[in-house]
Protein backbone atom coordinates (compact mmCIF):
# COMPACT_ATOMS: atom_id res chain seq x y z
CA MET A 1 87.27 -33.07 18.53
CA THR A 2 85.41 -30.57 16.40
CA GLU A 3 84.06 -27.13 16.98
CA THR A 4 81.86 -24.89 14.88
CA ARG A 5 83.07 -21.58 13.59
CA PRO A 6 80.51 -18.84 14.13
CA GLU A 7 79.12 -17.28 10.98
CA THR A 8 80.39 -13.80 10.26
CA PRO A 9 78.54 -11.54 7.86
CA SER A 10 80.38 -10.67 4.69
CA PRO A 11 79.63 -8.21 1.91
CA PRO A 12 78.11 -9.46 -1.36
CA ARG A 13 80.66 -10.83 -3.75
CA ALA A 14 80.46 -11.01 -7.55
CA ARG A 15 79.79 -14.27 -9.31
CA SER A 16 83.08 -16.06 -9.92
CA ALA A 17 84.44 -18.51 -12.47
CA TRP A 18 86.38 -20.33 -9.74
CA PRO A 19 83.71 -23.02 -9.08
CA TRP A 20 83.79 -24.03 -12.72
CA ALA A 21 87.60 -24.01 -12.82
CA VAL A 22 87.66 -26.31 -9.80
CA ALA A 23 85.02 -28.58 -11.38
CA ALA A 24 86.96 -28.73 -14.65
CA THR A 25 90.16 -29.67 -12.80
CA ALA A 26 88.29 -32.34 -10.85
CA PHE A 27 86.86 -33.65 -14.14
CA VAL A 28 90.33 -34.13 -15.64
CA THR A 29 91.61 -35.69 -12.41
CA LEU A 30 88.72 -38.16 -12.16
CA LEU A 31 89.00 -39.05 -15.84
CA GLY A 32 92.67 -39.90 -15.36
CA ALA A 33 92.17 -41.70 -12.05
CA SER A 34 89.56 -44.01 -13.58
CA GLY A 35 91.84 -44.84 -16.48
CA PHE A 36 94.83 -45.44 -14.21
CA ARG A 37 92.81 -47.77 -11.96
CA SER A 38 91.45 -49.90 -14.79
CA ALA A 39 94.69 -50.14 -16.78
CA PRO A 40 96.12 -53.27 -15.05
CA GLY A 41 93.51 -55.39 -16.80
CA VAL A 42 95.33 -55.06 -20.12
CA PHE A 43 98.66 -56.14 -18.54
CA VAL A 44 97.53 -59.59 -17.39
CA GLU A 45 98.55 -61.45 -20.54
CA PRO A 46 101.87 -59.60 -21.11
CA LEU A 47 102.94 -60.17 -17.50
CA HIS A 48 101.97 -63.84 -17.67
CA ALA A 49 103.95 -64.26 -20.89
CA GLU A 50 107.09 -62.55 -19.56
CA PHE A 51 107.25 -63.70 -15.95
CA GLY A 52 105.17 -66.87 -16.00
CA TRP A 53 103.02 -65.65 -13.14
CA SER A 54 99.62 -67.29 -12.89
CA THR A 55 96.48 -65.33 -13.72
CA ALA A 56 95.41 -65.71 -10.08
CA THR A 57 98.67 -64.15 -8.87
CA ILE A 58 98.37 -61.21 -11.22
CA SER A 59 94.68 -60.84 -10.43
CA SER A 60 95.47 -60.63 -6.72
CA ALA A 61 97.14 -57.27 -7.36
CA VAL A 62 94.09 -56.07 -9.28
CA SER A 63 91.80 -57.39 -6.55
CA LEU A 64 93.73 -55.52 -3.84
CA ASN A 65 93.61 -52.44 -6.04
CA LEU A 66 89.79 -52.65 -6.19
CA LEU A 67 89.46 -53.28 -2.47
CA LEU A 68 91.62 -50.29 -1.52
CA TYR A 69 89.81 -48.16 -4.08
CA GLY A 70 86.71 -48.46 -1.91
CA LEU A 71 88.22 -48.58 1.58
CA VAL A 72 90.54 -45.59 1.15
CA SER A 73 87.72 -43.29 0.02
CA PRO A 74 86.34 -42.19 3.43
CA PHE A 75 89.82 -41.70 4.87
CA ALA A 76 90.81 -39.61 1.84
CA ALA A 77 87.72 -37.45 2.38
CA ALA A 78 88.80 -36.91 5.99
CA LEU A 79 92.32 -36.00 4.83
CA MET A 80 90.84 -33.48 2.37
CA GLU A 81 88.87 -32.01 5.25
CA ARG A 82 92.04 -31.59 7.31
CA PHE A 83 94.75 -30.82 4.73
CA GLY A 84 92.75 -29.68 1.71
CA MET A 85 91.87 -31.24 -1.62
CA ARG A 86 94.88 -29.82 -3.42
CA ARG A 87 97.46 -31.51 -1.20
CA VAL A 88 95.66 -34.86 -0.99
CA VAL A 89 94.99 -35.12 -4.73
CA SER A 90 98.55 -34.07 -5.60
CA VAL A 91 100.00 -36.76 -3.32
CA ALA A 92 97.53 -39.29 -4.74
CA LEU A 93 98.69 -38.55 -8.29
CA LEU A 94 102.32 -38.94 -7.20
CA LEU A 95 101.47 -42.34 -5.69
CA VAL A 96 99.89 -43.43 -8.98
CA ALA A 97 102.93 -42.22 -10.92
CA ALA A 98 105.31 -44.06 -8.57
CA GLY A 99 103.24 -47.24 -8.57
CA SER A 100 102.99 -47.34 -12.34
CA GLY A 101 106.47 -46.09 -13.20
CA LEU A 102 108.36 -48.40 -10.84
CA THR A 103 106.74 -51.51 -12.36
CA VAL A 104 109.29 -51.36 -15.18
CA PHE A 105 111.91 -52.48 -12.63
CA MET A 106 109.94 -55.27 -10.92
CA THR A 107 111.09 -58.88 -11.03
CA THR A 108 108.84 -60.66 -8.52
CA ALA A 109 105.09 -60.94 -7.98
CA TRP A 110 105.08 -59.27 -4.55
CA GLN A 111 106.41 -56.13 -6.18
CA LEU A 112 103.41 -56.11 -8.53
CA VAL A 113 101.07 -56.43 -5.54
CA LEU A 114 102.85 -53.59 -3.75
CA LEU A 115 102.98 -51.26 -6.75
CA TRP A 116 99.71 -51.86 -8.60
CA GLY A 117 97.78 -53.17 -5.64
CA VAL A 118 98.82 -50.81 -2.83
CA LEU A 119 100.27 -47.64 -4.35
CA VAL A 120 97.93 -47.34 -7.33
CA GLY A 121 95.00 -48.59 -5.24
CA VAL A 122 95.55 -45.99 -2.51
CA GLY A 123 96.25 -43.26 -5.08
CA THR A 124 93.15 -43.83 -7.19
CA GLY A 125 91.02 -44.50 -4.11
CA SER A 126 91.93 -41.03 -2.86
CA MET A 127 90.36 -39.64 -6.05
CA ALA A 128 87.20 -41.75 -5.98
CA LEU A 129 83.56 -40.69 -5.66
CA ALA A 130 84.07 -39.15 -2.19
CA PHE A 131 86.18 -36.57 -4.04
CA VAL A 132 83.10 -35.79 -6.16
CA ALA A 133 81.04 -35.26 -3.00
CA THR A 134 83.73 -32.96 -1.57
CA VAL A 135 83.98 -30.78 -4.69
CA THR A 136 80.23 -30.41 -5.19
CA GLY A 137 79.54 -29.91 -1.49
CA ARG A 138 82.07 -27.10 -1.11
CA TRP A 139 81.80 -25.32 -4.44
CA PHE A 140 78.18 -25.66 -5.59
CA VAL A 141 74.74 -24.88 -4.21
CA ALA A 142 72.87 -24.42 -7.47
CA ARG A 143 73.35 -27.20 -10.04
CA ARG A 144 75.04 -29.39 -7.45
CA GLY A 145 73.33 -32.50 -8.82
CA LEU A 146 74.26 -31.73 -12.43
CA VAL A 147 77.93 -31.17 -11.56
CA SER A 148 77.89 -34.36 -9.51
CA GLY A 149 76.57 -36.22 -12.55
CA VAL A 150 79.21 -34.78 -14.87
CA LEU A 151 82.06 -35.61 -12.49
CA THR A 152 80.74 -39.13 -11.96
CA ALA A 153 80.51 -39.52 -15.73
CA ALA A 154 84.17 -38.52 -15.96
CA GLN A 155 85.08 -41.40 -13.68
CA ALA A 156 82.93 -43.77 -15.70
CA ALA A 157 84.45 -42.61 -18.98
CA GLY A 158 88.07 -42.89 -17.88
CA GLY A 159 88.36 -46.55 -18.75
CA LEU A 160 86.80 -45.98 -22.16
CA VAL A 161 89.32 -43.25 -22.92
CA PHE A 162 92.47 -44.96 -21.64
CA LEU A 163 91.97 -48.72 -21.98
CA PRO A 164 92.03 -48.91 -25.80
CA LEU A 165 95.20 -46.80 -25.82
CA MET A 166 96.84 -48.88 -23.09
CA ALA A 167 95.89 -52.12 -24.83
CA SER A 168 97.32 -50.85 -28.11
CA LEU A 169 100.57 -49.70 -26.50
CA ALA A 170 100.97 -52.91 -24.51
CA GLY A 171 100.50 -54.98 -27.67
CA SER A 172 102.67 -52.91 -30.00
CA VAL A 173 105.40 -51.31 -27.88
CA GLY A 174 105.21 -53.33 -24.67
CA TRP A 175 103.62 -53.12 -21.22
CA ARG A 176 106.58 -51.20 -19.77
CA PHE A 177 106.09 -48.30 -22.15
CA ALA A 178 102.36 -48.30 -21.39
CA SER A 179 103.14 -48.14 -17.66
CA LEU A 180 105.43 -45.18 -18.19
CA VAL A 181 102.71 -43.42 -20.18
CA ILE A 182 100.36 -43.81 -17.21
CA ALA A 183 103.02 -42.46 -14.84
CA ALA A 184 103.65 -39.48 -17.12
CA GLY A 185 99.92 -38.81 -17.41
CA ALA A 186 99.54 -38.72 -13.62
CA LEU A 187 102.50 -36.34 -13.28
CA LEU A 188 101.11 -34.01 -15.96
CA VAL A 189 97.90 -33.53 -13.99
CA VAL A 190 99.73 -32.43 -10.81
CA PRO A 191 100.52 -28.84 -12.02
CA LEU A 192 96.89 -28.44 -13.08
CA VAL A 193 95.75 -29.47 -9.60
CA LEU A 194 98.21 -27.11 -7.91
CA LEU A 195 97.07 -24.18 -10.05
CA PHE A 196 93.30 -24.57 -10.13
CA LEU A 197 92.09 -26.97 -7.44
CA ARG A 198 91.33 -24.65 -4.53
CA ASN A 199 90.07 -26.10 -1.27
CA ARG A 200 87.21 -23.71 -0.45
CA PRO A 201 85.59 -20.64 -2.05
CA SER A 202 86.80 -18.50 0.86
CA ASP A 203 90.39 -19.25 -0.16
CA VAL A 204 89.92 -17.12 -3.29
CA GLY A 205 87.49 -14.57 -1.87
CA THR A 206 84.30 -15.92 -3.41
CA VAL A 207 81.30 -18.11 -2.56
CA ALA A 208 80.01 -21.40 -3.90
CA HIS A 209 78.13 -21.26 -7.18
CA GLY A 210 74.54 -20.27 -6.47
CA ALA A 211 75.26 -19.21 -2.87
CA THR A 212 74.95 -15.77 -1.35
CA PRO A 213 76.84 -14.44 1.66
CA GLY A 214 75.32 -15.76 4.85
CA GLU A 215 74.06 -19.01 3.27
CA ASP A 216 77.32 -20.89 3.79
CA GLU A 217 77.24 -23.75 6.27
CA PRO A 218 79.33 -23.38 9.42
CA GLU A 219 82.65 -25.14 8.90
CA GLU A 220 83.96 -27.72 11.33
CA VAL A 221 87.52 -27.23 12.51
CA VAL A 222 89.13 -30.67 12.65
CA THR A 223 91.72 -31.06 15.39
CA GLY A 224 92.18 -34.85 15.48
CA GLY A 225 93.83 -37.20 13.02
CA ALA A 226 92.16 -37.95 9.70
CA ALA A 227 91.81 -41.67 10.46
CA ARG A 228 90.17 -40.94 13.80
CA ARG A 229 87.90 -38.37 12.14
CA SER A 230 86.80 -40.90 9.53
CA ILE A 231 86.01 -43.55 12.14
CA THR A 232 84.20 -41.01 14.33
CA VAL A 233 82.02 -39.91 11.43
CA LEU A 234 81.25 -43.56 10.64
CA ARG A 235 80.32 -44.21 14.26
CA ASP A 236 77.98 -41.23 14.37
CA ALA A 237 76.44 -41.96 10.96
CA ALA A 238 75.95 -45.64 11.83
CA ARG A 239 73.64 -44.59 14.65
CA THR A 240 71.13 -43.33 12.08
CA GLY A 241 68.80 -45.44 9.99
CA THR A 242 69.51 -43.22 6.97
CA PHE A 243 73.11 -44.39 6.76
CA TRP A 244 72.17 -48.07 6.73
CA LEU A 245 69.44 -47.50 4.16
CA LEU A 246 71.85 -45.67 1.85
CA ALA A 247 74.70 -48.15 2.44
CA GLY A 248 72.39 -51.13 1.86
CA GLY A 249 71.02 -49.68 -1.36
CA PHE A 250 74.48 -48.78 -2.63
CA ALA A 251 75.84 -52.23 -1.77
CA ILE A 252 73.12 -53.66 -4.01
CA CYS A 253 74.07 -51.09 -6.64
CA GLY A 254 77.64 -52.38 -6.64
CA ALA A 255 76.48 -56.00 -6.65
CA THR A 256 74.26 -55.47 -9.71
CA THR A 257 76.81 -53.49 -11.74
CA VAL A 258 80.56 -53.90 -11.20
CA GLY A 259 80.34 -57.17 -9.29
CA LEU A 260 77.86 -58.90 -11.60
CA LEU A 261 77.68 -57.48 -15.11
CA ASN A 262 81.20 -56.10 -15.33
CA THR A 263 82.70 -59.37 -14.09
CA HIS A 264 80.40 -62.02 -15.54
CA PHE A 265 78.70 -60.64 -18.65
CA VAL A 266 81.46 -61.78 -21.02
CA PRO A 267 81.61 -65.40 -19.76
CA ALA A 268 77.80 -65.54 -19.56
CA ALA A 269 77.48 -64.37 -23.16
CA HIS A 270 80.16 -66.87 -24.16
CA ASP A 271 78.06 -69.64 -22.55
CA HIS A 272 75.40 -68.76 -25.13
CA GLY A 273 77.86 -68.95 -28.02
CA MET A 274 78.77 -65.27 -28.33
CA PRO A 275 82.45 -64.50 -29.07
CA ALA A 276 84.24 -62.87 -26.14
CA THR A 277 85.31 -59.93 -28.32
CA THR A 278 81.69 -59.19 -29.22
CA ALA A 279 80.62 -59.35 -25.58
CA ALA A 280 83.47 -57.06 -24.52
CA GLY A 281 82.42 -54.61 -27.22
CA LEU A 282 78.90 -54.58 -25.83
CA LEU A 283 80.28 -53.73 -22.38
CA ALA A 284 82.10 -50.78 -23.94
CA VAL A 285 78.78 -49.56 -25.34
CA VAL A 286 77.32 -49.82 -21.82
CA GLY A 287 80.04 -47.40 -20.73
CA VAL A 288 79.19 -44.92 -23.49
CA PHE A 289 75.53 -44.73 -22.52
CA ASP A 290 76.51 -44.66 -18.86
CA VAL A 291 78.04 -41.21 -19.41
CA VAL A 292 74.78 -39.91 -20.91
CA GLY A 293 72.65 -41.47 -18.18
CA THR A 294 74.77 -40.18 -15.32
CA ILE A 295 74.78 -36.58 -16.56
CA ALA A 296 71.00 -36.75 -17.06
CA SER A 297 70.63 -38.18 -13.56
CA GLY A 298 72.55 -35.23 -12.15
CA TYR A 299 70.21 -32.85 -13.97
CA PHE A 300 67.12 -34.57 -12.57
CA THR A 301 68.61 -34.75 -9.07
CA ASP A 302 68.43 -30.95 -8.91
CA ARG A 303 64.70 -31.08 -9.69
CA VAL A 304 63.22 -34.36 -8.41
CA ASP A 305 63.16 -36.07 -5.01
CA PRO A 306 66.40 -38.16 -5.02
CA ARG A 307 64.65 -41.01 -3.18
CA LYS A 308 62.13 -41.39 -5.99
CA LEU A 309 64.87 -41.24 -8.61
CA LEU A 310 66.76 -44.04 -6.87
CA ALA A 311 63.63 -46.17 -6.61
CA VAL A 312 62.91 -45.74 -10.32
CA TYR A 313 66.51 -46.53 -11.27
CA TYR A 314 66.60 -49.71 -9.20
CA VAL A 315 63.21 -50.98 -10.41
CA LEU A 316 64.18 -50.45 -14.06
CA ARG A 317 67.58 -52.07 -13.52
CA GLY A 318 65.99 -55.06 -11.80
CA ALA A 319 63.50 -55.54 -14.64
CA SER A 320 66.25 -55.41 -17.26
CA LEU A 321 68.41 -57.95 -15.40
CA ALA A 322 65.45 -60.32 -15.02
CA PHE A 323 64.99 -60.33 -18.81
CA LEU A 324 68.69 -60.73 -19.67
CA PRO A 325 68.76 -64.59 -19.62
CA PHE A 326 66.17 -64.58 -22.42
CA LEU A 327 68.16 -62.11 -24.53
CA LEU A 328 71.61 -63.72 -24.59
CA ALA A 329 72.34 -65.46 -27.90
CA PRO A 330 75.27 -66.24 -30.22
CA SER A 331 74.90 -62.82 -31.81
CA ALA A 332 73.91 -59.37 -30.63
CA ALA A 333 70.29 -59.23 -31.74
CA PRO A 334 68.21 -56.02 -31.47
CA PRO A 335 66.60 -57.03 -28.12
CA LEU A 336 70.06 -57.44 -26.57
CA TRP A 337 71.11 -54.07 -27.96
CA ALA A 338 68.04 -52.58 -26.31
CA PHE A 339 69.19 -54.06 -22.98
CA ILE A 340 72.73 -52.69 -23.45
CA ILE A 341 71.47 -49.16 -24.12
CA PHE A 342 68.83 -49.22 -21.40
CA TYR A 343 71.14 -50.74 -18.80
CA GLY A 344 73.96 -48.38 -19.74
CA LEU A 345 71.80 -45.33 -19.09
CA ASP A 346 71.14 -46.70 -15.58
CA TRP A 347 74.67 -47.95 -14.76
CA VAL A 348 75.87 -45.34 -12.24
CA ALA A 349 72.90 -42.98 -12.47
CA THR A 350 72.44 -43.82 -8.78
CA VAL A 351 75.46 -41.76 -7.72
CA PRO A 352 74.12 -38.15 -7.97
CA PRO A 353 70.92 -38.81 -5.95
CA THR A 354 72.87 -40.83 -3.36
CA VAL A 355 75.37 -37.97 -2.95
CA ALA A 356 72.46 -35.53 -2.65
CA LEU A 357 70.81 -37.58 0.11
CA CYS A 358 74.10 -37.81 2.02
CA ARG A 359 74.44 -34.05 1.76
CA GLU A 360 70.91 -33.41 2.98
CA ARG A 361 71.20 -35.70 6.00
CA PHE A 362 74.84 -35.30 7.04
CA GLY A 363 75.75 -31.78 5.89
CA ALA A 364 79.47 -30.95 5.92
CA ARG A 365 80.30 -34.53 6.91
CA ALA A 366 78.66 -35.85 3.73
CA PRO A 367 81.90 -36.56 1.78
CA ILE A 368 83.20 -38.85 4.54
CA VAL A 369 79.81 -40.49 5.01
CA PHE A 370 79.51 -41.03 1.27
CA GLY A 371 83.00 -42.52 1.31
CA TRP A 372 81.72 -45.20 3.70
CA VAL A 373 78.59 -45.68 1.60
CA PHE A 374 80.86 -46.15 -1.41
CA ALA A 375 82.89 -48.70 0.57
CA ALA A 376 79.63 -50.64 0.96
CA HIS A 377 79.24 -50.41 -2.82
CA GLN A 378 82.63 -52.04 -3.31
CA ALA A 379 81.83 -54.72 -0.71
CA GLY A 380 78.64 -55.53 -2.59
CA SER A 381 80.64 -55.74 -5.81
CA ALA A 382 83.09 -58.21 -4.28
CA ILE A 383 80.32 -60.42 -2.86
CA ALA A 384 78.42 -60.50 -6.15
CA ALA A 385 81.54 -61.30 -8.15
CA VAL A 386 82.12 -64.41 -6.03
CA GLY A 387 78.44 -65.27 -5.65
CA ALA A 388 77.64 -65.22 -9.35
CA GLY A 389 80.63 -67.48 -10.00
CA LEU A 390 79.32 -69.94 -7.42
CA VAL A 391 75.88 -69.90 -9.06
CA ARG A 392 77.51 -70.71 -12.40
CA ASP A 393 79.56 -73.55 -10.89
CA LEU A 394 76.63 -75.09 -9.01
CA THR A 395 73.90 -74.76 -11.65
CA GLY A 396 75.85 -74.66 -14.89
CA ALA A 397 74.33 -71.30 -15.88
CA TYR A 398 74.15 -67.68 -14.77
CA ASP A 399 70.35 -67.44 -14.93
CA GLY A 400 69.90 -67.61 -11.15
CA ALA A 401 72.44 -64.82 -10.69
CA TRP A 402 70.56 -62.49 -13.06
CA TRP A 403 67.21 -63.21 -11.44
CA GLY A 404 68.63 -62.87 -7.94
CA ALA A 405 70.14 -59.51 -8.87
CA GLY A 406 66.77 -58.39 -10.24
CA ALA A 407 65.12 -59.24 -6.92
CA LEU A 408 67.83 -57.39 -4.99
CA CYS A 409 67.17 -54.28 -7.06
CA LEU A 410 63.58 -54.29 -5.83
CA VAL A 411 64.91 -54.41 -2.27
CA ALA A 412 67.17 -51.42 -3.06
CA ALA A 413 64.15 -49.49 -4.38
CA VAL A 414 62.30 -50.08 -1.10
CA LEU A 415 65.35 -49.04 0.94
CA SER A 416 65.64 -45.83 -1.09
CA LEU A 417 62.02 -44.85 -0.54
CA ALA A 418 62.44 -45.50 3.19
CA VAL A 419 65.16 -42.81 3.51
CA PRO A 420 63.67 -39.89 5.50
CA ARG A 421 63.76 -36.63 3.57
CA MET A 422 65.01 -33.48 5.29
CA LEU A 423 63.50 -30.77 3.14
CA ALA A 424 64.67 -28.05 5.50
CA THR A 425 68.25 -28.63 4.35
CA ARG A 426 67.34 -27.89 0.74
CA PRO A 427 66.27 -24.23 0.65
CA ALA A 428 63.65 -23.16 -1.83
CA ALA A 429 66.06 -20.57 -3.16
CA GLU A 430 68.49 -23.33 -4.08
CA VAL A 431 65.81 -25.20 -6.04
CA ALA A 432 64.80 -22.03 -7.83
CA ARG A 433 68.37 -21.35 -8.91
CA SER A 434 69.10 -24.92 -10.04
């Protein structure tokens, strides 16, 4: 059950640096969480060489990791609502440290699934994009979209920062040392979280950035369990068309990014004679431009109708994917580089406007609702990863997968424009301050 606390007037309070300290702490946490989650990819070959486990067996741990990364998100948001961000994130970092550090003692495959699949999956899933929605929803009124873009970019950049280091350590010193480095990195972030990650502005006697006393939303006092709260929010949200429009669009987002390009770009490029190392390098460039595009998207989200932004992003992404089969070649020619840059700018630019729409429609429940929308994103990723492989097996090429993804993007654009806008939840004063 929930009840609403009545608003009580409070005297004006001076502008505080606390919102930015919380955002900076969240940035570091998300950067690390993304790197921790993606690190198992560089351990596949070393584990196969040492233990003789098949690639499928090792990949099952990574697959479970990805699945939990999406499914845990709404429940983590509910836990943050009940116990606070600081406690949940600290425990999540300890889970990552335990899951990574204990791998040095493993001897059987089920231990890998338990450690990397379950512990690291649950830990990093508790610091996924629903965490971004929680931070921005509680601590920012002005510049909420921009901060959302920066924090999302941190998650996108984590793999770029950590993977080359992990690959180098695994190749030179060994995968065990690399695992211990990840565990130590997670532990080092815990004191930072305990010091600077405050749950709400009222905890430190201030207000959200851009807010004035009296503008704060009434807070819901949660009295039930976090799991029940998460399911209840899903049940209520699922009764609205807005939720299904957002979830459907974000499922297509996942299908046309992580599930398709991230999984199949390298083998598709190799089909056209391009070396795998060159194709992997191009994917890294996608990640670089993704950071720029996501921050820019956050900036525009504060100023432009998020529905229109999403529609533009999906149409442009669909057009680029439709042209990709004609651009793949044995070498990275200028037209392919144009695709890489253009597509990179659009990679997760959809996150800030999607978070904004969740906030407008679902208010204080937005982090949990967005957690479920993000779960749809991961489901779309999983379906596309399998579907594109089937297209390749049945037709001998990936062309149909690229064209099908382009068509799906047009569907996502239509779904985005169909989301009803609730302008009353976005005060003019907020727009003026952003």
